[in-house]
Structure formats: structure tokens, C-alpha cells
Amino acid sequence: MFHKSLSGHTHTLLAHFIPSERLSQKSERHLISLDDGDRLSAHFYPGSSDYIISLFHGLSGDIGADYMQRTAIQYLARGHNVLLVNHRGAGDGVGLAKNPYHSGRAEDVSQVVQYLRQKFPGKKQITAGFSMSGNIILYLLSGQRGRHLPEAAITVNAPINLLACSEILSRGFNRVYDLRFVRRLVEQRQLEISAWSRLLDIDNVYTAPLCGFKNGRHYYETCSAKGHVEKINIPTCVLAAADDPFIPVRDYREASWPDCVDVTIHPWGGHLGYMSMRKNQIGNHRWLDEYMVRSLDALLQKI
């Protein structure tokens, strides 16, 4: 249960300032080759079930992100196999990719699915993406830039209208998040651009020209999942928060979601926050963790 006194900003910030549980068991590193010669670094944690859940992080993050770690712990506790994936050049994938990742890299997720099918042919796959990766997954499921699909998917706080999100990030208190993204990307990609730049500046100067787009706006318009989600035809759980500071909830309400997609719009939660005043069924105050378990269980009944 959410508490109305917490703003979207408070949910967002608290979720990252309060320490999270970390994975303690050892993983097996997998290097996944992509068609253009780049490689992804992913870490596999074996389980005993017939399912593999692959988790993808948000912009400027990596597999060490708190939400990635907590979700993996919950899924492993239920006996599932888990793969944590670093996008191109992120985490311990530094030096493995010449090309940058971006919000439309559906082909990368597609190739991870293909890789897992070849490596574990008897396992069914559920793909889960947080923030930026949520848009990538919805983009893939809509038939864009990839042909290998999981059996089901989960997305959390996906920026399905990239232009709107970029514009909101450049205004008011949201510049705090914008600057955090920019500074981490400047460090992660060793970019020669001011750390006080906007995310839009990075996408105009680097992302767009390096990835075949005319400019940042063209990239945003091309890779936003909102206009394509009506084509999704596999079971999918989608979570958004009405008070997300920089992802407009109206885009979720305007999108044409098919019947196979279960869309949950919570009145509170911020961006990847969802802090609860009461303990959830898992025993912590992070409602997001409960949602990730509950949505996975629901999907397993459909595939």
C-alpha cells in the first residue's frame, strides 16, 4: 500500500538511498556476440525451474543496479534461472562494444533471447526490463528491430514516448535526474562533452549520428514504443506510476494496448521507487519487489 504523503520524487530518491540486498552467490559470465561484432557481458545464475528470466537495466546503469539485484534474488529464491544483462559497454562489458546502446536496441534483446534458446533449448524465457530497457522490450515485442521473442515479458517505468521524457528531464527539479544520467554516461562512454549538458545534447551529438539517426528528435520518434504496442501478441505485464517525475502517465493511458498486455498504473511510486509504508508479502517495504514476483507468477500461468 502506498502512502499519499510521499511525492514521486521522494519515492524515486528513497528507493536508491535506502540500501538494498545484494546477490551473494557466484555467477557464470557469458559473452554474447551481436551481429555487428559487438558483444554483451551477461551473468547467469542457475536455478532448478524450467524458466529463464533475463533482466535488463536502465539508462547509465548496469547489472549492479539495486532493482536488478533485488529482483534476481527474489526469482532465484523461487528456483528460477536468472540472467543479468549489461547493455553494450556497461558494467564489465567495457571494451566489448564499439557502438553505444540506446532506447531502441531491440535487436540486442532479440539476440539475447536467441542465445538463450541455443544454450538452454528446453527452457522458456521471460524478459524483464526496467526504465529504458522497458521501452526496448516493448519495441521488440511490437515487431521492431528483432525477430527472436521471449514467451512473456515484464516492463517497469518504460519511457514509451522518448521525446516527451527528454523534454521533461530538462525542466525544473528533473534536471537533477538529467544531470545524473549525463554524468554517468560521460564517464561510462568517455564522452568529450560537458557534464552539465542535457541528455538531449548527448543524443544529438553522439547517439543519433553513431546509430544512424538524423538527430536526437529523429532517434526519439523512431524508437519510442508507444505507437507500436498495439502489435504485441505475447503475455506482457506493464507497470507505470502516475507520479513518475519524468515519464508522463498520459502516454500509457493514450497507448493502444492489446488484451495480452496487463497494464498497471499505480497512483504512487515515482521512477523505479514504489516505497510502501507497510511491509509487503515478501517482508520489505519495496512494493516493486512484490510486483515483480506477482507479475512473474501470473505470466507463468499463461505460457
Protein backbone atom coordinates (compact mmCIF):
# COMPACT_ATOMS: atom_id res chain seq x y z
CA MET A 1 0.00 0.00 0.00
CA PHE A 2 1.33 3.42 -0.92
CA HIS A 3 1.26 6.50 1.26
CA LYS A 4 -0.10 9.68 -0.28
CA SER A 5 2.32 11.88 1.65
CA LEU A 6 5.24 10.63 -0.45
CA SER A 7 5.77 12.50 -3.71
CA GLY A 8 7.03 10.89 -6.88
CA HIS A 9 10.44 12.45 -6.26
CA THR A 10 10.51 11.04 -2.73
CA HIS A 11 9.67 7.54 -3.95
CA THR A 12 12.36 7.79 -6.61
CA LEU A 13 15.11 9.04 -4.33
CA LEU A 14 14.30 6.92 -1.27
CA ALA A 15 14.40 3.73 -3.31
CA HIS A 16 18.03 4.39 -4.22
CA PHE A 17 19.24 5.90 -0.95
CA ILE A 18 17.96 3.05 1.23
CA PRO A 19 20.40 0.10 0.99
CA SER A 20 19.24 -2.98 -0.90
CA GLU A 21 20.08 -6.64 -0.52
CA ARG A 22 22.85 -7.80 -2.87
CA LEU A 23 23.42 -11.10 -4.62
CA SER A 24 25.96 -13.24 -2.78
CA GLN A 25 26.14 -16.37 -4.92
CA LYS A 26 28.62 -16.69 -7.75
CA SER A 27 27.57 -16.26 -11.35
CA GLU A 28 28.78 -17.63 -14.67
CA ARG A 29 29.82 -14.93 -17.12
CA HIS A 30 28.53 -15.20 -20.69
CA LEU A 31 29.79 -13.09 -23.59
CA ILE A 32 27.00 -12.76 -26.15
CA SER A 33 28.07 -11.88 -29.70
CA LEU A 34 25.97 -9.44 -31.71
CA ASP A 35 25.62 -9.28 -35.49
CA ASP A 36 27.71 -6.11 -35.81
CA GLY A 37 30.69 -7.63 -33.96
CA ASP A 38 29.99 -6.08 -30.56
CA ARG A 39 29.49 -8.27 -27.51
CA LEU A 40 27.38 -8.10 -24.37
CA SER A 41 28.54 -9.22 -20.95
CA ALA A 42 25.87 -11.13 -19.02
CA HIS A 43 25.91 -13.10 -15.77
CA PHE A 44 23.97 -16.33 -15.35
CA TYR A 45 22.66 -17.64 -12.04
CA PRO A 46 21.37 -21.22 -12.32
CA GLY A 47 18.10 -22.40 -10.86
CA SER A 48 16.06 -25.58 -10.94
CA SER A 49 12.90 -24.47 -12.80
CA ASP A 50 12.06 -24.68 -16.50
CA TYR A 51 12.24 -20.89 -16.86
CA ILE A 52 14.98 -18.36 -17.50
CA ILE A 53 14.31 -14.74 -16.62
CA SER A 54 16.64 -12.23 -18.25
CA LEU A 55 16.85 -8.81 -16.60
CA PHE A 56 17.91 -5.59 -18.36
CA HIS A 57 18.91 -2.37 -16.58
CA GLY A 58 18.09 1.29 -17.15
CA LEU A 59 19.99 4.15 -18.78
CA SER A 60 23.55 4.66 -17.44
CA GLY A 61 23.16 1.65 -15.14
CA ASP A 62 24.45 -1.92 -15.15
CA ILE A 63 23.64 -5.27 -13.56
CA GLY A 64 24.69 -3.96 -10.16
CA ALA A 65 21.65 -1.66 -10.02
CA ASP A 66 19.64 -2.16 -6.82
CA TYR A 67 16.41 -3.12 -8.61
CA MET A 68 18.30 -5.68 -10.74
CA GLN A 69 19.91 -7.27 -7.71
CA ARG A 70 16.72 -7.43 -5.64
CA THR A 71 14.64 -8.87 -8.47
CA ALA A 72 17.26 -11.53 -9.19
CA ILE A 73 17.30 -12.51 -5.52
CA GLN A 74 13.52 -12.95 -5.46
CA TYR A 75 13.47 -15.02 -8.65
CA LEU A 76 16.37 -17.20 -7.57
CA ALA A 77 14.66 -17.85 -4.23
CA ARG A 78 11.78 -19.33 -6.24
CA GLY A 79 14.06 -21.67 -8.12
CA HIS A 80 14.24 -19.84 -11.45
CA ASN A 81 17.28 -19.38 -13.67
CA VAL A 82 18.30 -15.72 -13.96
CA LEU A 83 20.45 -13.89 -16.49
CA LEU A 84 21.55 -10.32 -15.69
CA VAL A 85 22.49 -8.47 -18.88
CA ASN A 86 24.76 -5.45 -19.26
CA HIS A 87 23.95 -3.33 -22.29
CA ARG A 88 26.75 -2.54 -24.73
CA GLY A 89 29.75 -1.15 -22.89
CA ALA A 90 28.04 -1.12 -19.50
CA GLY A 91 29.36 -2.72 -16.31
CA ASP A 92 32.05 -5.28 -17.04
CA GLY A 93 31.17 -5.00 -20.73
CA VAL A 94 33.52 -2.02 -21.09
CA GLY A 95 35.68 -2.50 -24.19
CA LEU A 96 33.43 -5.16 -25.73
CA ALA A 97 31.39 -2.79 -27.90
CA LYS A 98 32.24 -0.07 -30.40
CA ASN A 99 28.64 1.04 -30.78
CA PRO A 100 26.56 2.56 -27.96
CA TYR A 101 23.35 1.14 -26.58
CA HIS A 102 20.18 3.21 -26.82
CA SER A 103 16.45 3.02 -26.18
CA GLY A 104 15.72 1.25 -29.46
CA ARG A 105 18.28 -1.57 -29.33
CA ALA A 106 15.61 -4.24 -29.65
CA GLU A 107 17.99 -6.31 -31.79
CA ASP A 108 20.26 -6.77 -28.77
CA VAL A 109 17.46 -8.17 -26.62
CA SER A 110 16.43 -10.35 -29.56
CA GLN A 111 19.92 -11.80 -29.79
CA VAL A 112 20.00 -12.49 -26.06
CA VAL A 113 16.76 -14.45 -26.50
CA GLN A 114 18.29 -16.33 -29.44
CA TYR A 115 21.45 -17.06 -27.45
CA LEU A 116 19.50 -18.47 -24.52
CA ARG A 117 17.38 -20.63 -26.85
CA GLN A 118 20.53 -22.17 -28.25
CA LYS A 119 22.23 -22.52 -24.88
CA PHE A 120 19.20 -23.77 -22.94
CA PRO A 121 16.81 -25.19 -25.57
CA GLY A 122 14.41 -26.71 -23.04
CA LYS A 123 13.80 -23.54 -21.05
CA LYS A 124 11.04 -20.98 -21.52
CA GLN A 125 12.03 -17.32 -21.39
CA ILE A 126 10.64 -14.26 -19.65
CA THR A 127 12.38 -10.97 -20.39
CA ALA A 128 12.14 -8.09 -17.91
CA GLY A 129 13.27 -4.51 -18.46
CA PHE A 130 13.49 -1.51 -16.18
CA SER A 131 13.11 2.07 -17.40
CA MET A 132 14.96 2.42 -20.76
CA SER A 133 15.09 -1.37 -21.18
CA GLY A 134 11.35 -1.50 -20.75
CA ASN A 135 10.93 0.60 -23.89
CA ILE A 136 13.44 -1.60 -25.72
CA ILE A 137 11.50 -4.74 -24.83
CA LEU A 138 8.12 -3.27 -25.80
CA TYR A 139 9.70 -2.09 -29.05
CA LEU A 140 10.92 -5.63 -29.74
CA LEU A 141 7.60 -7.25 -28.85
CA SER A 142 5.93 -4.82 -31.28
CA GLY A 143 7.93 -6.29 -34.17
CA GLN A 144 10.69 -3.67 -34.35
CA ARG A 145 14.40 -4.41 -34.95
CA GLY A 146 14.41 -8.06 -33.88
CA ARG A 147 12.68 -11.39 -34.57
CA HIS A 148 13.50 -13.56 -31.56
CA LEU A 149 10.89 -13.08 -28.84
CA PRO A 150 10.58 -14.46 -25.30
CA GLU A 151 7.48 -16.34 -24.20
CA ALA A 152 6.48 -13.42 -21.95
CA ALA A 153 7.78 -10.08 -20.67
CA ILE A 154 7.65 -7.54 -17.85
CA THR A 155 8.42 -3.82 -18.09
CA VAL A 156 8.68 -1.20 -15.35
CA ASN A 157 8.54 2.58 -15.90
CA ALA A 158 9.36 2.35 -19.58
CA PRO A 159 9.80 5.72 -21.36
CA ILE A 160 7.45 4.85 -24.22
CA ASN A 161 7.50 8.45 -25.52
CA LEU A 162 11.19 9.32 -25.59
CA LEU A 163 10.83 12.89 -26.80
CA ALA A 164 8.37 13.80 -24.04
CA CYS A 165 10.65 12.26 -21.41
CA SER A 166 13.69 14.10 -22.71
CA GLU A 167 11.87 17.43 -22.66
CA ILE A 168 10.58 16.89 -19.11
CA LEU A 169 14.05 15.89 -17.88
CA SER A 170 15.42 19.27 -18.93
CA ARG A 171 13.00 21.23 -16.72
CA GLY A 172 12.88 22.12 -13.02
CA PHE A 173 13.92 19.59 -10.38
CA ASN A 174 14.09 16.90 -13.06
CA ARG A 175 17.42 18.41 -14.12
CA VAL A 176 18.82 16.55 -11.11
CA TYR A 177 17.98 13.23 -12.81
CA ASP A 178 19.07 14.55 -16.19
CA LEU A 179 22.48 15.54 -14.83
CA ARG A 180 22.88 12.18 -13.12
CA PHE A 181 22.19 10.36 -16.38
CA VAL A 182 24.55 12.66 -18.29
CA ARG A 183 27.43 12.45 -15.82
CA ARG A 184 27.23 8.66 -15.63
CA LEU A 185 27.06 8.37 -19.43
CA VAL A 186 30.01 10.75 -19.86
CA GLU A 187 32.04 8.54 -17.53
CA GLN A 188 30.71 5.25 -18.88
CA ARG A 189 31.31 6.12 -22.53
CA GLN A 190 34.25 8.52 -22.01
CA LEU A 191 32.45 11.25 -23.93
CA GLU A 192 34.04 14.60 -24.72
CA ILE A 193 31.08 16.70 -23.67
CA SER A 194 30.37 18.87 -20.64
CA ALA A 195 28.97 17.00 -17.64
CA TRP A 196 26.47 19.87 -17.38
CA SER A 197 24.95 19.00 -20.76
CA ARG A 198 21.44 17.68 -21.22
CA LEU A 199 20.62 14.11 -22.20
CA LEU A 200 19.22 15.56 -25.41
CA ASP A 201 22.68 17.02 -26.15
CA ILE A 202 24.31 13.59 -25.84
CA ASP A 203 21.68 12.06 -28.09
CA ASN A 204 22.13 14.82 -30.67
CA VAL A 205 25.93 14.77 -30.67
CA TYR A 206 26.66 11.08 -30.07
CA THR A 207 23.77 8.64 -30.01
CA ALA A 208 21.97 9.79 -33.15
CA PRO A 209 24.92 10.09 -35.58
CA LEU A 210 26.63 6.92 -34.31
CA CYS A 211 23.44 4.87 -34.63
CA GLY A 212 22.11 6.07 -37.98
CA PHE A 213 19.59 8.71 -36.88
CA LYS A 214 19.40 12.24 -38.26
CA ASN A 215 19.36 13.85 -34.81
CA GLY A 216 18.07 13.29 -31.30
CA ARG A 217 14.47 14.03 -32.23
CA HIS A 218 14.58 11.52 -35.09
CA TYR A 219 16.02 8.92 -32.72
CA TYR A 220 13.28 9.57 -30.15
CA GLU A 221 10.47 9.46 -32.70
CA THR A 222 11.80 6.30 -34.34
CA CYS A 223 12.47 4.30 -31.17
CA SER A 224 9.52 5.18 -28.94
CA ALA A 225 7.37 2.10 -28.28
CA LYS A 226 4.11 3.99 -27.72
CA GLY A 227 2.96 3.94 -31.33
CA HIS A 228 3.71 0.24 -31.80
CA VAL A 229 2.46 -1.54 -28.67
CA GLU A 230 -0.87 -2.48 -30.26
CA LYS A 231 1.08 -5.14 -32.23
CA ILE A 232 2.24 -7.04 -29.13
CA ASN A 233 0.87 -10.59 -29.10
CA ILE A 234 2.60 -12.33 -26.19
CA PRO A 235 1.67 -12.13 -22.47
CA THR A 236 3.19 -8.97 -21.01
CA CYS A 237 2.92 -7.16 -17.69
CA VAL A 238 3.49 -3.40 -17.79
CA LEU A 239 3.91 -1.20 -14.71
CA ALA A 240 3.86 2.61 -14.62
CA ALA A 241 3.39 5.20 -11.88
CA ALA A 242 1.06 8.16 -12.20
CA ASP A 243 3.58 10.34 -10.35
CA ASP A 244 6.71 9.30 -12.27
CA PRO A 245 8.70 12.56 -12.35
CA PHE A 246 9.79 12.31 -15.98
CA ILE A 247 7.66 9.66 -17.71
CA PRO A 248 4.20 11.12 -18.49
CA VAL A 249 1.45 8.70 -17.45
CA ARG A 250 -0.81 10.12 -20.17
CA ASP A 251 1.22 8.21 -22.76
CA TYR A 252 0.30 4.95 -21.05
CA ARG A 253 -3.34 5.97 -20.98
CA GLU A 254 -3.31 7.00 -24.65
CA ALA A 255 -1.46 3.95 -25.98
CA SER A 256 -3.47 1.18 -27.69
CA TRP A 257 -2.66 -1.82 -25.50
CA PRO A 258 -3.86 -5.22 -26.74
CA ASP A 259 -5.65 -7.69 -24.49
CA CYS A 260 -2.49 -9.77 -23.92
CA VAL A 261 -0.87 -6.83 -22.10
CA ASP A 262 -1.76 -6.29 -18.44
CA VAL A 263 -1.13 -2.60 -17.73
CA THR A 264 -0.94 -1.47 -14.10
CA ILE A 265 -0.84 2.28 -13.43
CA HIS A 266 -0.24 2.94 -9.76
CA PRO A 267 -1.12 6.32 -8.28
CA TRP A 268 2.23 6.50 -6.43
CA GLY A 269 5.66 5.08 -6.99
CA GLY A 270 7.84 7.62 -8.76
CA HIS A 271 10.51 6.24 -11.07
CA LEU A 272 11.55 2.72 -10.00
CA GLY A 273 10.62 3.65 -6.44
CA TYR A 274 7.33 2.24 -5.15
CA MET A 275 8.19 2.55 -1.47
CA SER A 276 5.45 1.26 0.83
CA MET A 277 4.68 2.34 4.38
CA ARG A 278 3.70 -1.24 5.20
CA LYS A 279 5.71 -4.39 4.69
CA ASN A 280 4.71 -6.38 1.63
CA GLN A 281 4.25 -10.14 1.34
CA ILE A 282 7.99 -10.54 0.83
CA GLY A 283 8.72 -8.80 4.10
CA ASN A 284 10.20 -5.47 2.98
CA HIS A 285 8.86 -2.00 2.20
CA ARG A 286 9.51 -2.18 -1.54
CA TRP A 287 6.24 -2.79 -3.34
CA LEU A 288 8.13 -3.08 -6.63
CA ASP A 289 9.69 -6.34 -5.42
CA GLU A 290 6.26 -7.77 -4.69
CA TYR A 291 5.01 -6.67 -8.10
CA MET A 292 7.92 -8.36 -9.88
CA VAL A 293 7.15 -11.66 -8.12
CA ARG A 294 3.40 -11.40 -8.59
CA SER A 295 3.59 -10.45 -12.26
CA LEU A 296 6.03 -13.28 -12.98
CA ASP A 297 3.76 -15.79 -11.29
CA ALA A 298 0.84 -14.51 -13.37
CA LEU A 299 2.80 -14.87 -16.60
CA LEU A 300 3.93 -18.39 -15.79
CA GLN A 301 0.26 -19.39 -15.72
CA LYS A 302 -0.12 -18.21 -19.34
CA ILE A 303 2.90 -19.69 -21.11
